[in-house]
Amino acid sequence: MLKDWIAPSILSADFARLGEDVAHVLAEGADIVHFDVMDNHYVPNLSFGPVVCAALRHYGVSAPIDVHLMVEPVDDLVAPFAEAGATYISFHPEATRHVDRTIQLIRDAGCRPGLVLNPGSPLSWLDWTLETIDLVLLMSVNPGFGGQSFIEATLPKIAQVRRLIDASERDIRLEVDGGVKPENIARVAQAGADMFVAGSAIFGADDYGSVISTMREAISAVRGSH
């Protein structure tokens, strides 16, 4: 299994001093920056675009950037985010007309493609795409807003995707986003995730390092029991 990654979502960061806040959370032990892109069309909210991603790179953020596109259509934003410094670019299959074409666009742009499945999305989307992606992102809330409660029905879904990934024998990341916090991260890890998005749980805390350490300890306890 791949190394476990903690991925703070900058949707919950301090936008008045974003570069400083992101650098701080990385210095406190986070592994990758999660970048929630909302268009007020596919989801009922509006966040930020490639300019903000480029600004973080210019600020000096060198960690991987995990761009989650909650937009429709998808394709026209792939190249701008790749040029802005994205590492992973993931998208919702319902939001694009030709899923394989979008995956190839991301790959051709030099980024790692990922597919995002909402709580109600079927896993059958993976039947024909798992061999061509580097990341599966399972939403454990309905996309569009930060600070929502974890949907428990996601846990068996995580376990099912873990089995599919293991059977593929490819290094595909299994990411979970929505309501992940110190109290439930062990169960998310136990189900098979190796990448954990946390927004308000980390950025809403006074001590980022303490929360990240608590999360890591919970994950380690699960891994140690195997």
C-alpha atoms as a PDB file:
ATOM      1  CA  MET A   1       0.000   0.000   0.000  1.00  0.00           C
ATOM      2  CA  LEU A   2       1.165   3.540  -0.720  1.00  0.00           C
ATOM      3  CA  LYS A   3       2.336   5.842   2.059  1.00  0.00           C
ATOM      4  CA  ASP A   4      -0.587   7.493   3.835  1.00  0.00           C
ATOM      5  CA  TRP A   5      -1.031  11.145   2.907  1.00  0.00           C
ATOM      6  CA  ILE A   6      -2.825  13.887   4.837  1.00  0.00           C
ATOM      7  CA  ALA A   7      -4.325  16.395   2.386  1.00  0.00           C
ATOM      8  CA  PRO A   8      -5.575  19.652   3.951  1.00  0.00           C
ATOM      9  CA  SER A   9      -8.279  21.302   1.851  1.00  0.00           C
ATOM     10  CA  ILE A  10      -7.468  24.979   1.377  1.00  0.00           C
ATOM     11  CA  LEU A  11     -11.183  25.696   1.076  1.00  0.00           C
ATOM     12  CA  SER A  12     -10.983  26.107   4.856  1.00  0.00           C
ATOM     13  CA  ALA A  13      -7.716  28.092   4.896  1.00  0.00           C
ATOM     14  CA  ASP A  14      -7.291  31.805   5.628  1.00  0.00           C
ATOM     15  CA  PHE A  15      -7.674  33.423   2.202  1.00  0.00           C
ATOM     16  CA  ALA A  16      -6.285  36.760   3.408  1.00  0.00           C
ATOM     17  CA  ARG A  17      -2.906  35.039   3.880  1.00  0.00           C
ATOM     18  CA  LEU A  18      -3.246  31.902   1.815  1.00  0.00           C
ATOM     19  CA  GLY A  19       0.406  31.340   0.904  1.00  0.00           C
ATOM     20  CA  GLU A  20       1.505  31.684   4.506  1.00  0.00           C
ATOM     21  CA  ASP A  21      -1.310  29.444   5.787  1.00  0.00           C
ATOM     22  CA  VAL A  22      -0.570  26.689   3.246  1.00  0.00           C
ATOM     23  CA  ALA A  23       3.172  26.851   3.957  1.00  0.00           C
ATOM     24  CA  HIS A  24       2.370  26.613   7.675  1.00  0.00           C
ATOM     25  CA  VAL A  25       0.180  23.505   7.354  1.00  0.00           C
ATOM     26  CA  LEU A  26       2.832  21.788   5.215  1.00  0.00           C
ATOM     27  CA  ALA A  27       5.531  22.668   7.737  1.00  0.00           C
ATOM     28  CA  GLU A  28       3.335  21.065  10.410  1.00  0.00           C
ATOM     29  CA  GLY A  29       3.380  17.722   8.605  1.00  0.00           C
ATOM     30  CA  ALA A  30       0.777  17.728   5.800  1.00  0.00           C
ATOM     31  CA  ASP A  31       1.788  15.874   2.623  1.00  0.00           C
ATOM     32  CA  ILE A  32      -0.205  17.379  -0.237  1.00  0.00           C
ATOM     33  CA  VAL A  33      -2.399  20.426  -0.839  1.00  0.00           C
ATOM     34  CA  HIS A  34      -6.036  19.677  -1.714  1.00  0.00           C
ATOM     35  CA  PHE A  35      -7.538  22.254  -4.042  1.00  0.00           C
ATOM     36  CA  ASP A  36     -11.359  22.304  -4.314  1.00  0.00           C
ATOM     37  CA  VAL A  37     -12.456  23.995  -7.529  1.00  0.00           C
ATOM     38  CA  MET A  38     -16.177  24.884  -7.596  1.00  0.00           C
ATOM     39  CA  ASP A  39     -17.972  26.610 -10.451  1.00  0.00           C
ATOM     40  CA  ASN A  40     -21.472  27.460  -9.117  1.00  0.00           C
ATOM     41  CA  HIS A  41     -22.761  25.270 -11.942  1.00  0.00           C
ATOM     42  CA  TYR A  42     -21.867  21.629 -11.303  1.00  0.00           C
ATOM     43  CA  VAL A  43     -21.968  22.429  -7.573  1.00  0.00           C
ATOM     44  CA  PRO A  44     -23.794  25.269  -5.771  1.00  0.00           C
ATOM     45  CA  ASN A  45     -20.740  27.248  -4.739  1.00  0.00           C
ATOM     46  CA  LEU A  46     -17.862  29.232  -6.225  1.00  0.00           C
ATOM     47  CA  SER A  47     -14.261  28.915  -5.079  1.00  0.00           C
ATOM     48  CA  PHE A  48     -11.062  29.605  -7.042  1.00  0.00           C
ATOM     49  CA  GLY A  49      -9.252  28.818 -10.273  1.00  0.00           C
ATOM     50  CA  PRO A  50      -5.802  28.284 -11.820  1.00  0.00           C
ATOM     51  CA  VAL A  51      -4.563  31.773 -10.867  1.00  0.00           C
ATOM     52  CA  VAL A  52      -4.691  30.831  -7.175  1.00  0.00           C
ATOM     53  CA  CYS A  53      -2.887  27.544  -7.863  1.00  0.00           C
ATOM     54  CA  ALA A  54      -0.146  29.427  -9.750  1.00  0.00           C
ATOM     55  CA  ALA A  55       0.072  31.971  -6.915  1.00  0.00           C
ATOM     56  CA  LEU A  56       0.800  29.190  -4.402  1.00  0.00           C
ATOM     57  CA  ARG A  57       3.582  27.864  -6.640  1.00  0.00           C
ATOM     58  CA  HIS A  58       5.019  31.372  -6.993  1.00  0.00           C
ATOM     59  CA  TYR A  59       4.838  31.776  -3.224  1.00  0.00           C
ATOM     60  CA  GLY A  60       7.140  28.771  -2.941  1.00  0.00           C
ATOM     61  CA  VAL A  61       4.795  25.858  -2.225  1.00  0.00           C
ATOM     62  CA  SER A  62       6.611  22.826  -3.651  1.00  0.00           C
ATOM     63  CA  ALA A  63       4.432  20.023  -2.245  1.00  0.00           C
ATOM     64  CA  PRO A  64       2.139  18.155  -4.647  1.00  0.00           C
ATOM     65  CA  ILE A  65      -1.117  19.960  -5.437  1.00  0.00           C
ATOM     66  CA  ASP A  66      -4.232  17.806  -5.737  1.00  0.00           C
ATOM     67  CA  VAL A  67      -6.795  19.646  -7.880  1.00  0.00           C
ATOM     68  CA  HIS A  68     -10.378  18.413  -7.491  1.00  0.00           C
ATOM     69  CA  LEU A  69     -12.497  19.835 -10.303  1.00  0.00           C
ATOM     70  CA  MET A  70     -16.136  20.239  -9.304  1.00  0.00           C
ATOM     71  CA  VAL A  71     -16.885  21.905 -12.620  1.00  0.00           C
ATOM     72  CA  GLU A  72     -18.877  21.300 -15.770  1.00  0.00           C
ATOM     73  CA  PRO A  73     -17.580  21.108 -18.468  1.00  0.00           C
ATOM     74  CA  VAL A  74     -14.142  19.870 -17.440  1.00  0.00           C
ATOM     75  CA  ASP A  75     -11.780  19.852 -20.413  1.00  0.00           C
ATOM     76  CA  ASP A  76     -11.084  23.568 -20.846  1.00  0.00           C
ATOM     77  CA  LEU A  77      -9.680  23.838 -17.312  1.00  0.00           C
ATOM     78  CA  VAL A  78      -7.204  20.961 -17.597  1.00  0.00           C
ATOM     79  CA  ALA A  79      -4.403  22.809 -19.415  1.00  0.00           C
ATOM     80  CA  PRO A  80      -4.648  25.994 -17.288  1.00  0.00           C
ATOM     81  CA  PHE A  81      -4.362  23.975 -14.061  1.00  0.00           C
ATOM     82  CA  ALA A  82      -1.507  21.877 -15.450  1.00  0.00           C
ATOM     83  CA  GLU A  83       0.338  25.085 -16.384  1.00  0.00           C
ATOM     84  CA  ALA A  84      -0.431  26.533 -12.929  1.00  0.00           C
ATOM     85  CA  GLY A  85       1.405  23.650 -11.256  1.00  0.00           C
ATOM     86  CA  ALA A  86      -1.171  20.949 -10.490  1.00  0.00           C
ATOM     87  CA  THR A  87       0.145  17.448  -9.740  1.00  0.00           C
ATOM     88  CA  TYR A  88      -3.126  15.491  -9.708  1.00  0.00           C
ATOM     89  CA  ILE A  89      -6.264  16.602 -11.534  1.00  0.00           C
ATOM     90  CA  SER A  90      -9.442  14.700 -10.719  1.00  0.00           C
ATOM     91  CA  PHE A  91     -12.946  15.198 -12.070  1.00  0.00           C
ATOM     92  CA  HIS A  92     -16.493  13.880 -11.810  1.00  0.00           C
ATOM     93  CA  PRO A  93     -17.358  11.568 -14.730  1.00  0.00           C
ATOM     94  CA  GLU A  94     -20.925  12.921 -14.843  1.00  0.00           C
ATOM     95  CA  ALA A  95     -19.521  16.372 -15.592  1.00  0.00           C
ATOM     96  CA  THR A  96     -17.766  15.530 -18.853  1.00  0.00           C
ATOM     97  CA  ARG A  97     -19.070  14.177 -22.124  1.00  0.00           C
ATOM     98  CA  HIS A  98     -16.174  11.821 -22.899  1.00  0.00           C
ATOM     99  CA  VAL A  99     -14.539  10.427 -19.760  1.00  0.00           C
ATOM    100  CA  ASP A 100     -11.620   8.723 -21.502  1.00  0.00           C
ATOM    101  CA  ARG A 101     -10.811  11.838 -23.505  1.00  0.00           C
ATOM    102  CA  THR A 102     -10.674  13.913 -20.319  1.00  0.00           C
ATOM    103  CA  ILE A 103      -8.407  11.346 -18.630  1.00  0.00           C
ATOM    104  CA  GLN A 104      -6.085  11.459 -21.653  1.00  0.00           C
ATOM    105  CA  LEU A 105      -6.083  15.270 -21.675  1.00  0.00           C
ATOM    106  CA  ILE A 106      -4.923  15.292 -18.050  1.00  0.00           C
ATOM    107  CA  ARG A 107      -2.221  12.705 -18.750  1.00  0.00           C
ATOM    108  CA  ASP A 108      -1.044  14.556 -21.885  1.00  0.00           C
ATOM    109  CA  ALA A 109      -0.823  17.786 -19.876  1.00  0.00           C
ATOM    110  CA  GLY A 110       1.709  16.112 -17.592  1.00  0.00           C
ATOM    111  CA  CYS A 111      -0.583  15.553 -14.598  1.00  0.00           C
ATOM    112  CA  ARG A 112      -1.921  12.455 -12.891  1.00  0.00           C
ATOM    113  CA  PRO A 113      -5.609  11.840 -13.649  1.00  0.00           C
ATOM    114  CA  GLY A 114      -8.196  10.928 -11.064  1.00  0.00           C
ATOM    115  CA  LEU A 115     -11.895  10.065 -11.060  1.00  0.00           C
ATOM    116  CA  VAL A 116     -14.229  11.407  -8.369  1.00  0.00           C
ATOM    117  CA  LEU A 117     -17.319   9.505  -7.285  1.00  0.00           C
ATOM    118  CA  ASN A 118     -20.099  11.187  -5.293  1.00  0.00           C
ATOM    119  CA  PRO A 119     -21.853   9.326  -2.456  1.00  0.00           C
ATOM    120  CA  GLY A 120     -24.608   8.261  -4.859  1.00  0.00           C
ATOM    121  CA  SER A 121     -22.368   7.550  -7.880  1.00  0.00           C
ATOM    122  CA  PRO A 122     -22.015   3.904  -8.945  1.00  0.00           C
ATOM    123  CA  LEU A 123     -18.620   2.213  -8.868  1.00  0.00           C
ATOM    124  CA  SER A 124     -19.302   0.956 -12.395  1.00  0.00           C
ATOM    125  CA  TRP A 125     -17.570   4.140 -13.625  1.00  0.00           C
ATOM    126  CA  LEU A 126     -14.346   2.352 -12.661  1.00  0.00           C
ATOM    127  CA  ASP A 127     -15.026  -0.737 -14.782  1.00  0.00           C
ATOM    128  CA  TRP A 128     -13.431   0.796 -17.874  1.00  0.00           C
ATOM    129  CA  THR A 129     -11.240   3.514 -16.373  1.00  0.00           C
ATOM    130  CA  LEU A 130      -9.259   2.022 -13.476  1.00  0.00           C
ATOM    131  CA  GLU A 131      -6.383   1.007 -15.754  1.00  0.00           C
ATOM    132  CA  THR A 132      -5.910   4.597 -16.956  1.00  0.00           C
ATOM    133  CA  ILE A 133      -6.101   6.656 -13.735  1.00  0.00           C
ATOM    134  CA  ASP A 134      -3.768   7.288 -10.787  1.00  0.00           C
ATOM    135  CA  LEU A 135      -6.351   8.320  -8.202  1.00  0.00           C
ATOM    136  CA  VAL A 136      -9.867   7.418  -7.099  1.00  0.00           C
ATOM    137  CA  LEU A 137     -11.468  10.097  -4.941  1.00  0.00           C
ATOM    138  CA  LEU A 138     -14.556   9.016  -3.015  1.00  0.00           C
ATOM    139  CA  MET A 139     -16.716  11.837  -1.717  1.00  0.00           C
ATOM    140  CA  SER A 140     -18.002  11.138   1.773  1.00  0.00           C
ATOM    141  CA  VAL A 141     -20.265  14.198   1.608  1.00  0.00           C
ATOM    142  CA  ASN A 142     -22.198  15.665  -1.300  1.00  0.00           C
ATOM    143  CA  PRO A 143     -19.863  18.073  -3.095  1.00  0.00           C
ATOM    144  CA  GLY A 144     -20.198  21.830  -2.917  1.00  0.00           C
ATOM    145  CA  PHE A 145     -19.675  22.869   0.701  1.00  0.00           C
ATOM    146  CA  GLY A 146     -17.045  22.420   3.394  1.00  0.00           C
ATOM    147  CA  GLY A 147     -17.812  21.435   6.974  1.00  0.00           C
ATOM    148  CA  GLN A 148     -20.380  18.687   6.252  1.00  0.00           C
ATOM    149  CA  SER A 149     -20.805  15.475   8.249  1.00  0.00           C
ATOM    150  CA  PHE A 150     -19.253  12.217   7.049  1.00  0.00           C
ATOM    151  CA  ILE A 151     -21.695   9.882   5.259  1.00  0.00           C
ATOM    152  CA  GLU A 152     -21.230   6.465   6.897  1.00  0.00           C
ATOM    153  CA  ALA A 153     -22.345   4.545   3.799  1.00  0.00           C
ATOM    154  CA  THR A 154     -19.031   5.588   2.219  1.00  0.00           C
ATOM    155  CA  LEU A 155     -17.097   3.087   4.364  1.00  0.00           C
ATOM    156  CA  PRO A 156     -18.182  -0.109   2.545  1.00  0.00           C
ATOM    157  CA  LYS A 157     -17.676   1.747  -0.734  1.00  0.00           C
ATOM    158  CA  ILE A 158     -14.072   2.532   0.237  1.00  0.00           C
ATOM    159  CA  ALA A 159     -13.508  -1.145   1.028  1.00  0.00           C
ATOM    160  CA  GLN A 160     -14.929  -2.158  -2.332  1.00  0.00           C
ATOM    161  CA  VAL A 161     -12.684   0.261  -4.240  1.00  0.00           C
ATOM    162  CA  ARG A 162      -9.671  -0.920  -2.210  1.00  0.00           C
ATOM    163  CA  ARG A 163     -10.345  -4.460  -3.433  1.00  0.00           C
ATOM    164  CA  LEU A 164     -10.571  -3.244  -7.053  1.00  0.00           C
ATOM    165  CA  ILE A 165      -7.303  -1.308  -6.740  1.00  0.00           C
ATOM    166  CA  ASP A 166      -5.501  -4.236  -5.125  1.00  0.00           C
ATOM    167  CA  ALA A 167      -6.736  -6.539  -7.891  1.00  0.00           C
ATOM    168  CA  SER A 168      -5.424  -4.111 -10.522  1.00  0.00           C
ATOM    169  CA  GLU A 169      -1.909  -4.324  -9.016  1.00  0.00           C
ATOM    170  CA  ARG A 170      -1.381  -0.650  -9.906  1.00  0.00           C
ATOM    171  CA  ASP A 171      -0.280   2.154  -7.567  1.00  0.00           C
ATOM    172  CA  ILE A 172      -3.589   3.996  -7.554  1.00  0.00           C
ATOM    173  CA  ARG A 173      -4.309   6.350  -4.684  1.00  0.00           C
ATOM    174  CA  LEU A 174      -7.589   5.966  -2.808  1.00  0.00           C
ATOM    175  CA  GLU A 175      -8.604   9.360  -1.480  1.00  0.00           C
ATOM    176  CA  VAL A 176     -11.575  10.226   0.739  1.00  0.00           C
ATOM    177  CA  ASP A 177     -12.978  13.746   1.030  1.00  0.00           C
ATOM    178  CA  GLY A 178     -15.719  15.026   3.307  1.00  0.00           C
ATOM    179  CA  GLY A 179     -16.127  15.143   7.065  1.00  0.00           C
ATOM    180  CA  VAL A 180     -12.837  13.351   7.770  1.00  0.00           C
ATOM    181  CA  LYS A 181     -11.509  14.232  11.227  1.00  0.00           C
ATOM    182  CA  PRO A 182      -9.453  12.701  14.049  1.00  0.00           C
ATOM    183  CA  GLU A 183     -12.525  10.909  15.457  1.00  0.00           C
ATOM    184  CA  ASN A 184     -13.263   8.906  12.298  1.00  0.00           C
ATOM    185  CA  ILE A 185     -10.010   8.782  10.309  1.00  0.00           C
ATOM    186  CA  ALA A 186      -9.106   5.360  11.738  1.00  0.00           C
ATOM    187  CA  ARG A 187     -12.279   3.838  10.281  1.00  0.00           C
ATOM    188  CA  VAL A 188     -11.573   5.490   6.916  1.00  0.00           C
ATOM    189  CA  ALA A 189      -8.038   4.056   6.962  1.00  0.00           C
ATOM    190  CA  GLN A 190      -9.331   0.645   8.070  1.00  0.00           C
ATOM    191  CA  ALA A 191     -11.686   0.607   5.077  1.00  0.00           C
ATOM    192  CA  GLY A 192      -8.698   1.072   2.763  1.00  0.00           C
ATOM    193  CA  ALA A 193      -8.094   4.776   2.038  1.00  0.00           C
ATOM    194  CA  ASP A 194      -4.501   6.042   1.840  1.00  0.00           C
ATOM    195  CA  MET A 195      -5.153   9.749   1.209  1.00  0.00           C
ATOM    196  CA  PHE A 196      -7.263  11.779   3.615  1.00  0.00           C
ATOM    197  CA  VAL A 197      -8.719  15.187   2.826  1.00  0.00           C
ATOM    198  CA  ALA A 198      -9.462  17.320   5.870  1.00  0.00           C
ATOM    199  CA  GLY A 199     -10.462  20.961   5.686  1.00  0.00           C
ATOM    200  CA  SER A 200     -12.115  22.471   8.726  1.00  0.00           C
ATOM    201  CA  ALA A 201     -10.748  19.694  10.970  1.00  0.00           C
ATOM    202  CA  ILE A 202      -7.219  21.004  10.336  1.00  0.00           C
ATOM    203  CA  PHE A 203      -7.560  24.673   9.369  1.00  0.00           C
ATOM    204  CA  GLY A 204     -10.219  25.234  12.034  1.00  0.00           C
ATOM    205  CA  ALA A 205      -7.811  24.109  14.771  1.00  0.00           C
ATOM    206  CA  ASP A 206      -5.467  26.379  16.715  1.00  0.00           C
ATOM    207  CA  ASP A 207      -2.593  23.918  16.317  1.00  0.00           C
ATOM    208  CA  TYR A 208      -2.341  22.334  12.843  1.00  0.00           C
ATOM    209  CA  GLY A 209       0.530  20.070  13.844  1.00  0.00           C
ATOM    210  CA  SER A 210      -1.342  18.603  16.787  1.00  0.00           C
ATOM    211  CA  VAL A 211      -4.355  17.652  14.632  1.00  0.00           C
ATOM    212  CA  ILE A 212      -2.164  16.180  11.895  1.00  0.00           C
ATOM    213  CA  SER A 213      -0.177  14.174  14.475  1.00  0.00           C
ATOM    214  CA  THR A 214      -3.389  12.866  16.046  1.00  0.00           C
ATOM    215  CA  MET A 215      -4.621  11.786  12.607  1.00  0.00           C
ATOM    216  CA  ARG A 216      -1.332  10.058  11.819  1.00  0.00           C
ATOM    217  CA  GLU A 217      -1.356   8.203  15.141  1.00  0.00           C
ATOM    218  CA  ALA A 218      -4.891   6.958  14.454  1.00  0.00           C
ATOM    219  CA  ILE A 219      -3.859   5.733  10.989  1.00  0.00           C
ATOM    220  CA  SER A 220      -0.688   4.119  12.366  1.00  0.00           C
ATOM    221  CA  ALA A 221      -2.697   2.234  14.978  1.00  0.00           C
ATOM    222  CA  VAL A 222      -4.803   0.728  12.177  1.00  0.00           C
ATOM    223  CA  ARG A 223      -1.786  -0.123  10.010  1.00  0.00           C
ATOM    224  CA  GLY A 224       0.003  -1.665  13.000  1.00  0.00           C
ATOM    225  CA  SER A 225      -2.944  -3.977  13.627  1.00  0.00           C
ATOM    226  CA  HIS A 226      -2.638  -5.565  10.190  1.00  0.00           C
END
